[in-house]
Amino acid sequence: LDKKLKNNSFIPRRHNTKIIQENSCKKTRK
């Protein structure tokens, strides 16, 4: 972790996403 912080290399190339629906309304969020 220390090395990645010093090299600014802690951001991956891809991220996983998920679509959720709020219980209080029909709105969906990514």
PDB file of all heavy atoms in Angstrom:
ATOM      1  N   LEU A   1       0.841  -1.210   0.000  1.00  0.00           N
ATOM      2  CA  LEU A   1       0.000   0.000   0.000  1.00  0.00           C
ATOM      3  C   LEU A   1       0.869   1.250   0.000  1.00  0.00           C
ATOM      4  O   LEU A   1       0.607   2.199  -0.758  1.00  0.00           O
ATOM      5  CB  LEU A   1      -0.919  -0.008   1.224  1.00  0.00           C
ATOM      6  CG  LEU A   1      -1.721   1.279   1.492  1.00  0.00           C
ATOM      7  CD1 LEU A   1      -2.686   1.567   0.346  1.00  0.00           C
ATOM      8  CD2 LEU A   1      -2.477   1.179   2.815  1.00  0.00           C
ATOM      9  N   ASP A   2       1.898   1.257   0.818  1.00  0.00           N
ATOM     10  CA  ASP A   2       2.797   2.403   0.899  1.00  0.00           C
ATOM     11  C   ASP A   2       3.461   2.678  -0.456  1.00  0.00           C
ATOM     12  O   ASP A   2       3.555   3.833  -0.897  1.00  0.00           O
ATOM     13  CB  ASP A   2       3.865   2.132   1.970  1.00  0.00           C
ATOM     14  CG  ASP A   2       4.775   3.318   2.187  1.00  0.00           C
ATOM     15  OD1 ASP A   2       4.300   4.328   2.757  1.00  0.00           O
ATOM     16  OD2 ASP A   2       5.955   3.259   1.765  1.00  0.00           O
ATOM     17  N   LYS A   3       3.889   1.613  -1.116  1.00  0.00           N
ATOM     18  CA  LYS A   3       4.530   1.761  -2.435  1.00  0.00           C
ATOM     19  C   LYS A   3       3.551   2.309  -3.467  1.00  0.00           C
ATOM     20  O   LYS A   3       3.896   3.191  -4.266  1.00  0.00           O
ATOM     21  CB  LYS A   3       5.071   0.405  -2.884  1.00  0.00           C
ATOM     22  CG  LYS A   3       5.838   0.447  -4.190  1.00  0.00           C
ATOM     23  CD  LYS A   3       6.392  -0.927  -4.549  1.00  0.00           C
ATOM     24  CE  LYS A   3       7.140  -0.894  -5.882  1.00  0.00           C
ATOM     25  NZ  LYS A   3       7.664  -2.239  -6.242  1.00  0.00           N
ATOM     26  N   LYS A   4       2.309   1.779  -3.442  1.00  0.00           N
ATOM     27  CA  LYS A   4       1.308   2.240  -4.404  1.00  0.00           C
ATOM     28  C   LYS A   4       0.920   3.705  -4.150  1.00  0.00           C
ATOM     29  O   LYS A   4       0.647   4.448  -5.099  1.00  0.00           O
ATOM     30  CB  LYS A   4       0.071   1.343  -4.342  1.00  0.00           C
ATOM     31  CG  LYS A   4       0.270  -0.021  -5.005  1.00  0.00           C
ATOM     32  CD  LYS A   4      -0.988  -0.847  -5.003  1.00  0.00           C
ATOM     33  CE  LYS A   4      -0.799  -2.132  -5.802  1.00  0.00           C
ATOM     34  NZ  LYS A   4      -0.656  -1.894  -7.257  1.00  0.00           N
ATOM     35  N   LEU A   5       0.889   4.112  -2.892  1.00  0.00           N
ATOM     36  CA  LEU A   5       0.612   5.515  -2.579  1.00  0.00           C
ATOM     37  C   LEU A   5       1.733   6.414  -3.105  1.00  0.00           C
ATOM     38  O   LEU A   5       1.476   7.473  -3.689  1.00  0.00           O
ATOM     39  CB  LEU A   5       0.443   5.704  -1.069  1.00  0.00           C
ATOM     40  CG  LEU A   5      -0.895   5.256  -0.460  1.00  0.00           C
ATOM     41  CD1 LEU A   5      -0.809   5.245   1.059  1.00  0.00           C
ATOM     42  CD2 LEU A   5      -2.035   6.156  -0.916  1.00  0.00           C
ATOM     43  N   LYS A   6       2.968   5.991  -2.900  1.00  0.00           N
ATOM     44  CA  LYS A   6       4.109   6.803  -3.343  1.00  0.00           C
ATOM     45  C   LYS A   6       4.199   6.870  -4.866  1.00  0.00           C
ATOM     46  O   LYS A   6       4.596   7.904  -5.427  1.00  0.00           O
ATOM     47  CB  LYS A   6       5.406   6.234  -2.764  1.00  0.00           C
ATOM     48  CG  LYS A   6       5.539   6.489  -1.266  1.00  0.00           C
ATOM     49  CD  LYS A   6       6.775   5.825  -0.681  1.00  0.00           C
ATOM     50  CE  LYS A   6       6.885   6.148   0.808  1.00  0.00           C
ATOM     51  NZ  LYS A   6       8.019   5.441   1.456  1.00  0.00           N
ATOM     52  N   ASN A   7       3.802   5.767  -5.539  1.00  0.00           N
ATOM     53  CA  ASN A   7       3.851   5.733  -7.005  1.00  0.00           C
ATOM     54  C   ASN A   7       2.563   6.206  -7.669  1.00  0.00           C
ATOM     55  O   ASN A   7       2.477   6.243  -8.905  1.00  0.00           O
ATOM     56  CB  ASN A   7       4.153   4.304  -7.490  1.00  0.00           C
ATOM     57  CG  ASN A   7       5.512   3.824  -7.034  1.00  0.00           C
ATOM     58  OD1 ASN A   7       6.385   4.621  -6.726  1.00  0.00           O
ATOM     59  ND2 ASN A   7       5.694   2.508  -6.971  1.00  0.00           N
ATOM     60  N   ASN A   8       1.548   6.506  -6.843  1.00  0.00           N
ATOM     61  CA  ASN A   8       0.220   6.896  -7.366  1.00  0.00           C
ATOM     62  C   ASN A   8      -0.337   5.837  -8.326  1.00  0.00           C
ATOM     63  O   ASN A   8      -0.884   6.144  -9.389  1.00  0.00           O
ATOM     64  CB  ASN A   8       0.288   8.250  -8.079  1.00  0.00           C
ATOM     65  CG  ASN A   8       0.623   9.380  -7.122  1.00  0.00           C
ATOM     66  OD1 ASN A   8       0.064   9.462  -6.034  1.00  0.00           O
ATOM     67  ND2 ASN A   8       1.560  10.235  -7.524  1.00  0.00           N
ATOM     68  N   SER A   9      -0.205   4.563  -7.911  1.00  0.00           N
ATOM     69  CA  SER A   9      -0.642   3.462  -8.771  1.00  0.00           C
ATOM     70  C   SER A   9      -1.743   2.620  -8.121  1.00  0.00           C
ATOM     71  O   SER A   9      -1.837   1.427  -8.363  1.00  0.00           O
ATOM     72  CB  SER A   9       0.552   2.559  -9.113  1.00  0.00           C
ATOM     73  OG  SER A   9       1.134   2.048  -7.933  1.00  0.00           O
ATOM     74  N   PHE A  10      -2.561   3.259  -7.284  1.00  0.00           N
ATOM     75  CA  PHE A  10      -3.586   2.501  -6.549  1.00  0.00           C
ATOM     76  C   PHE A  10      -4.938   2.454  -7.267  1.00  0.00           C
ATOM     77  O   PHE A  10      -5.872   1.809  -6.800  1.00  0.00           O
ATOM     78  CB  PHE A  10      -3.771   3.092  -5.140  1.00  0.00           C
ATOM     79  CG  PHE A  10      -4.079   4.572  -5.127  1.00  0.00           C
ATOM     80  CD1 PHE A  10      -5.371   5.036  -5.266  1.00  0.00           C
ATOM     81  CD2 PHE A  10      -3.049   5.492  -4.958  1.00  0.00           C
ATOM     82  CE1 PHE A  10      -5.654   6.383  -5.245  1.00  0.00           C
ATOM     83  CE2 PHE A  10      -3.319   6.853  -4.935  1.00  0.00           C
ATOM     84  CZ  PHE A  10      -4.625   7.303  -5.082  1.00  0.00           C
ATOM     85  N   ILE A  11      -5.078   3.134  -8.405  1.00  0.00           N
ATOM     86  CA  ILE A  11      -6.339   3.117  -9.154  1.00  0.00           C
ATOM     87  C   ILE A  11      -6.316   1.971 -10.168  1.00  0.00           C
ATOM     88  O   ILE A  11      -5.429   1.922 -11.028  1.00  0.00           O
ATOM     89  CB  ILE A  11      -6.574   4.454  -9.886  1.00  0.00           C
ATOM     90  CG1 ILE A  11      -6.603   5.620  -8.888  1.00  0.00           C
ATOM     91  CG2 ILE A  11      -7.873   4.396 -10.692  1.00  0.00           C
ATOM     92  CD1 ILE A  11      -7.762   5.584  -7.923  1.00  0.00           C
ATOM     93  N   PRO A  12      -7.268   1.023 -10.103  1.00  0.00           N
ATOM     94  CA  PRO A  12      -7.289  -0.083 -11.083  1.00  0.00           C
ATOM     95  C   PRO A  12      -7.787   0.383 -12.447  1.00  0.00           C
ATOM     96  O   PRO A  12      -8.365   1.468 -12.572  1.00  0.00           O
ATOM     97  CB  PRO A  12      -8.277  -1.078 -10.452  1.00  0.00           C
ATOM     98  CG  PRO A  12      -9.193  -0.233  -9.643  1.00  0.00           C
ATOM     99  CD  PRO A  12      -8.360   0.908  -9.126  1.00  0.00           C
ATOM    100  N   ARG A  13      -7.594  -0.455 -13.452  1.00  0.00           N
ATOM    101  CA  ARG A  13      -8.013  -0.087 -14.807  1.00  0.00           C
ATOM    102  C   ARG A  13      -9.525  -0.134 -14.975  1.00  0.00           C
ATOM    103  O   ARG A  13     -10.103   0.638 -15.724  1.00  0.00           O
ATOM    104  CB  ARG A  13      -7.351  -1.020 -15.829  1.00  0.00           C
ATOM    105  CG  ARG A  13      -5.854  -0.839 -15.933  1.00  0.00           C
ATOM    106  CD  ARG A  13      -5.266  -1.778 -16.975  1.00  0.00           C
ATOM    107  NE  ARG A  13      -3.815  -1.615 -17.085  1.00  0.00           N
ATOM    108  CZ  ARG A  13      -3.063  -2.322 -17.908  1.00  0.00           C
ATOM    109  NH1 ARG A  13      -3.618  -3.245 -18.690  1.00  0.00           N
ATOM    110  NH2 ARG A  13      -1.765  -2.114 -17.955  1.00  0.00           N
ATOM    111  N   ARG A  14     -10.174  -1.083 -14.287  1.00  0.00           N
ATOM    112  CA  ARG A  14     -11.625  -1.249 -14.436  1.00  0.00           C
ATOM    113  C   ARG A  14     -12.287  -1.350 -13.072  1.00  0.00           C
ATOM    114  O   ARG A  14     -11.672  -1.776 -12.094  1.00  0.00           O
ATOM    115  CB  ARG A  14     -11.942  -2.525 -15.242  1.00  0.00           C
ATOM    116  CG  ARG A  14     -11.485  -2.478 -16.683  1.00  0.00           C
ATOM    117  CD  ARG A  14     -11.894  -3.751 -17.403  1.00  0.00           C
ATOM    118  NE  ARG A  14     -13.336  -3.918 -17.434  1.00  0.00           N
ATOM    119  CZ  ARG A  14     -13.952  -4.997 -17.917  1.00  0.00           C
ATOM    120  NH1 ARG A  14     -13.236  -5.999 -18.406  1.00  0.00           N
ATOM    121  NH2 ARG A  14     -15.259  -5.068 -17.912  1.00  0.00           N
ATOM    122  N   HIS A  15     -13.567  -0.956 -13.020  1.00  0.00           N
ATOM    123  CA  HIS A  15     -14.364  -1.074 -11.809  1.00  0.00           C
ATOM    124  C   HIS A  15     -15.632  -1.875 -12.102  1.00  0.00           C
ATOM    125  O   HIS A  15     -16.187  -1.776 -13.196  1.00  0.00           O
ATOM    126  CB  HIS A  15     -14.770   0.315 -11.275  1.00  0.00           C
ATOM    127  CG  HIS A  15     -13.640   1.105 -10.712  1.00  0.00           C
ATOM    128  ND1 HIS A  15     -12.958   2.051 -11.441  1.00  0.00           N
ATOM    129  CD2 HIS A  15     -13.057   1.071  -9.489  1.00  0.00           C
ATOM    130  CE1 HIS A  15     -12.008   2.576 -10.689  1.00  0.00           C
ATOM    131  NE2 HIS A  15     -12.053   2.006  -9.495  1.00  0.00           N
ATOM    132  N   ASN A  16     -16.077  -2.629 -11.115  1.00  0.00           N
ATOM    133  CA  ASN A  16     -17.361  -3.314 -11.224  1.00  0.00           C
ATOM    134  C   ASN A  16     -18.481  -2.357 -10.824  1.00  0.00           C
ATOM    135  O   ASN A  16     -18.310  -1.531  -9.914  1.00  0.00           O
ATOM    136  CB  ASN A  16     -17.394  -4.549 -10.313  1.00  0.00           C
ATOM    137  CG  ASN A  16     -16.394  -5.600 -10.750  1.00  0.00           C
ATOM    138  OD1 ASN A  16     -16.146  -5.758 -11.943  1.00  0.00           O
ATOM    139  ND2 ASN A  16     -15.815  -6.317  -9.797  1.00  0.00           N
ATOM    140  N   THR A  17     -19.600  -2.454 -11.496  1.00  0.00           N
ATOM    141  CA  THR A  17     -20.751  -1.600 -11.187  1.00  0.00           C
ATOM    142  C   THR A  17     -21.961  -2.463 -10.854  1.00  0.00           C
ATOM    143  O   THR A  17     -22.034  -3.635 -11.235  1.00  0.00           O
ATOM    144  CB  THR A  17     -21.097  -0.668 -12.362  1.00  0.00           C
ATOM    145  OG1 THR A  17     -21.390  -1.460 -13.520  1.00  0.00           O
ATOM    146  CG2 THR A  17     -19.947   0.275 -12.671  1.00  0.00           C
ATOM    147  N   LYS A  18     -22.894  -1.861 -10.147  1.00  0.00           N
ATOM    148  CA  LYS A  18     -24.112  -2.560  -9.745  1.00  0.00           C
ATOM    149  C   LYS A  18     -25.273  -1.585  -9.792  1.00  0.00           C
ATOM    150  O   LYS A  18     -25.149  -0.441  -9.335  1.00  0.00           O
ATOM    151  CB  LYS A  18     -23.938  -3.127  -8.329  1.00  0.00           C
ATOM    152  CG  LYS A  18     -25.115  -3.926  -7.818  1.00  0.00           C
ATOM    153  CD  LYS A  18     -24.834  -4.424  -6.401  1.00  0.00           C
ATOM    154  CE  LYS A  18     -26.005  -5.224  -5.854  1.00  0.00           C
ATOM    155  NZ  LYS A  18     -25.753  -5.675  -4.459  1.00  0.00           N
ATOM    156  N   ILE A  19     -26.410  -2.014 -10.325  1.00  0.00           N
ATOM    157  CA  ILE A  19     -27.617  -1.188 -10.378  1.00  0.00           C
ATOM    158  C   ILE A  19     -28.525  -1.599  -9.220  1.00  0.00           C
ATOM    159  O   ILE A  19     -28.860  -2.776  -9.074  1.00  0.00           O
ATOM    160  CB  ILE A  19     -28.369  -1.351 -11.715  1.00  0.00           C
ATOM    161  CG1 ILE A  19     -27.437  -1.035 -12.900  1.00  0.00           C
ATOM    162  CG2 ILE A  19     -29.605  -0.465 -11.743  1.00  0.00           C
ATOM    163  CD1 ILE A  19     -26.943   0.390 -12.951  1.00  0.00           C
ATOM    164  N   ILE A  20     -28.897  -0.640  -8.385  1.00  0.00           N
ATOM    165  CA  ILE A  20     -29.798  -0.928  -7.268  1.00  0.00           C
ATOM    166  C   ILE A  20     -31.055  -0.085  -7.405  1.00  0.00           C
ATOM    167  O   ILE A  20     -31.042   0.979  -8.034  1.00  0.00           O
ATOM    168  CB  ILE A  20     -29.136  -0.653  -5.904  1.00  0.00           C
ATOM    169  CG1 ILE A  20     -28.780   0.836  -5.752  1.00  0.00           C
ATOM    170  CG2 ILE A  20     -27.902  -1.521  -5.715  1.00  0.00           C
ATOM    171  CD1 ILE A  20     -28.414   1.230  -4.350  1.00  0.00           C
ATOM    172  N   GLN A  21     -32.134  -0.567  -6.798  1.00  0.00           N
ATOM    173  CA  GLN A  21     -33.398   0.177  -6.787  1.00  0.00           C
ATOM    174  C   GLN A  21     -33.729   0.533  -5.351  1.00  0.00           C
ATOM    175  O   GLN A  21     -33.734  -0.330  -4.471  1.00  0.00           O
ATOM    176  CB  GLN A  21     -34.537  -0.654  -7.389  1.00  0.00           C
ATOM    177  CG  GLN A  21     -35.857   0.114  -7.486  1.00  0.00           C
ATOM    178  CD  GLN A  21     -36.910  -0.633  -8.283  1.00  0.00           C
ATOM    179  OE1 GLN A  21     -36.586  -1.469  -9.115  1.00  0.00           O
ATOM    180  NE2 GLN A  21     -38.165  -0.327  -8.036  1.00  0.00           N
ATOM    181  N   GLU A  22     -33.998   1.809  -5.112  1.00  0.00           N
ATOM    182  CA  GLU A  22     -34.318   2.256  -3.770  1.00  0.00           C
ATOM    183  C   GLU A  22     -35.695   1.763  -3.358  1.00  0.00           C
ATOM    184  O   GLU A  22     -36.631   1.768  -4.153  1.00  0.00           O
ATOM    185  CB  GLU A  22     -34.264   3.783  -3.686  1.00  0.00           C
ATOM    186  CG  GLU A  22     -32.864   4.331  -3.890  1.00  0.00           C
ATOM    187  CD  GLU A  22     -32.816   5.827  -3.698  1.00  0.00           C
ATOM    188  OE1 GLU A  22     -33.890   6.464  -3.697  1.00  0.00           O
ATOM    189  OE2 GLU A  22     -31.717   6.369  -3.539  1.00  0.00           O
ATOM    190  N   ASN A  23     -35.804   1.367  -2.071  1.00  0.00           N
ATOM    191  CA  ASN A  23     -37.090   0.880  -1.567  1.00  0.00           C
ATOM    192  C   ASN A  23     -38.137   1.973  -1.504  1.00  0.00           C
ATOM    193  O   ASN A  23     -39.326   1.730  -1.665  1.00  0.00           O
ATOM    194  CB  ASN A  23     -36.903   0.280  -0.163  1.00  0.00           C
ATOM    195  CG  ASN A  23     -36.084  -0.993  -0.196  1.00  0.00           C
ATOM    196  OD1 ASN A  23     -36.144  -1.735  -1.169  1.00  0.00           O
ATOM    197  ND2 ASN A  23     -35.319  -1.250   0.848  1.00  0.00           N
ATOM    198  N   SER A  24     -37.688   3.205  -1.262  1.00  0.00           N
ATOM    199  CA  SER A  24     -38.631   4.306  -1.049  1.00  0.00           C
ATOM    200  C   SER A  24     -39.262   4.818  -2.340  1.00  0.00           C
ATOM    201  O   SER A  24     -40.249   5.525  -2.314  1.00  0.00           O
ATOM    202  CB  SER A  24     -37.918   5.462  -0.333  1.00  0.00           C
ATOM    203  OG  SER A  24     -36.809   5.899  -1.095  1.00  0.00           O
ATOM    204  N   CYS A  25     -38.674   4.467  -3.484  1.00  0.00           N
ATOM    205  CA  CYS A  25     -39.218   4.949  -4.760  1.00  0.00           C
ATOM    206  C   CYS A  25     -38.752   4.014  -5.872  1.00  0.00           C
ATOM    207  O   CYS A  25     -38.040   3.053  -5.643  1.00  0.00           O
ATOM    208  CB  CYS A  25     -38.777   6.389  -5.030  1.00  0.00           C
ATOM    209  SG  CYS A  25     -36.997   6.597  -5.125  1.00  0.00           S
ATOM    210  N   LYS A  26     -39.170   4.311  -7.074  1.00  0.00           N
ATOM    211  CA  LYS A  26     -38.802   3.469  -8.217  1.00  0.00           C
ATOM    212  C   LYS A  26     -37.479   3.890  -8.844  1.00  0.00           C
ATOM    213  O   LYS A  26     -37.087   3.383  -9.882  1.00  0.00           O
ATOM    214  CB  LYS A  26     -39.917   3.531  -9.261  1.00  0.00           C
ATOM    215  CG  LYS A  26     -41.238   2.930  -8.773  1.00  0.00           C
ATOM    216  CD  LYS A  26     -42.307   3.010  -9.849  1.00  0.00           C
ATOM    217  CE  LYS A  26     -43.614   2.412  -9.356  1.00  0.00           C
ATOM    218  NZ  LYS A  26     -44.680   2.504 -10.366  1.00  0.00           N
ATOM    219  N   LYS A  27     -36.783   4.807  -8.211  1.00  0.00           N
ATOM    220  CA  LYS A  27     -35.527   5.310  -8.739  1.00  0.00           C
ATOM    221  C   LYS A  27     -34.433   4.244  -8.671  1.00  0.00           C
ATOM    222  O   LYS A  27     -34.312   3.518  -7.693  1.00  0.00           O
ATOM    223  CB  LYS A  27     -35.095   6.526  -7.917  1.00  0.00           C
ATOM    224  CG  LYS A  27     -33.879   7.260  -8.458  1.00  0.00           C
ATOM    225  CD  LYS A  27     -33.374   8.277  -7.459  1.00  0.00           C
ATOM    226  CE  LYS A  27     -34.398   9.356  -7.173  1.00  0.00           C
ATOM    227  NZ  LYS A  27     -33.860  10.355  -6.224  1.00  0.00           N
ATOM    228  N   THR A  28     -33.646   4.148  -9.719  1.00  0.00           N
ATOM    229  CA  THR A  28     -32.500   3.240  -9.736  1.00  0.00           C
ATOM    230  C   THR A  28     -31.204   4.043  -9.673  1.00  0.00           C
ATOM    231  O   THR A  28     -31.142   5.178 -10.161  1.00  0.00           O
ATOM    232  CB  THR A  28     -32.488   2.368 -11.004  1.00  0.00           C
ATOM    233  OG1 THR A  28     -32.450   3.217 -12.165  1.00  0.00           O
ATOM    234  CG2 THR A  28     -33.721   1.472 -11.058  1.00  0.00           C
ATOM    235  N   ARG A  29     -30.190   3.443  -9.061  1.00  0.00           N
ATOM    236  CA  ARG A  29     -28.897   4.113  -8.940  1.00  0.00           C
ATOM    237  C   ARG A  29     -27.785   3.161  -9.367  1.00  0.00           C
ATOM    238  O   ARG A  29     -27.848   1.955  -9.110  1.00  0.00           O
ATOM    239  CB  ARG A  29     -28.655   4.568  -7.497  1.00  0.00           C
ATOM    240  CG  ARG A  29     -29.605   5.663  -7.024  1.00  0.00           C
ATOM    241  CD  ARG A  29     -29.209   6.134  -5.642  1.00  0.00           C
ATOM    242  NE  ARG A  29     -30.107   7.131  -5.104  1.00  0.00           N
ATOM    243  CZ  ARG A  29     -30.020   8.432  -5.334  1.00  0.00           C
ATOM    244  NH1 ARG A  29     -29.052   8.895  -6.121  1.00  0.00           N
ATOM    245  NH2 ARG A  29     -30.864   9.276  -4.794  1.00  0.00           N
ATOM    246  N   LYS A  30     -26.766   3.722  -9.986  1.00  0.00           N
ATOM    247  CA  LYS A  30     -25.604   2.945 -10.404  1.00  0.00           C
ATOM    248  C   LYS A  30     -24.514   3.091  -9.338  1.00  0.00           C
ATOM    249  O   LYS A  30     -24.033   4.185  -9.080  1.00  0.00           O
ATOM    250  CB  LYS A  30     -25.098   3.451 -11.754  1.00  0.00           C
ATOM    251  CG  LYS A  30     -23.915   2.661 -12.295  1.00  0.00           C
ATOM    252  CD  LYS A  30     -23.470   3.241 -13.631  1.00  0.00           C
ATOM    253  CE  LYS A  30     -22.258   2.506 -14.180  1.00  0.00           C
ATOM    254  NZ  LYS A  30     -21.787   3.103 -15.445  1.00  0.00           N
TER     255      LYS A  30
END
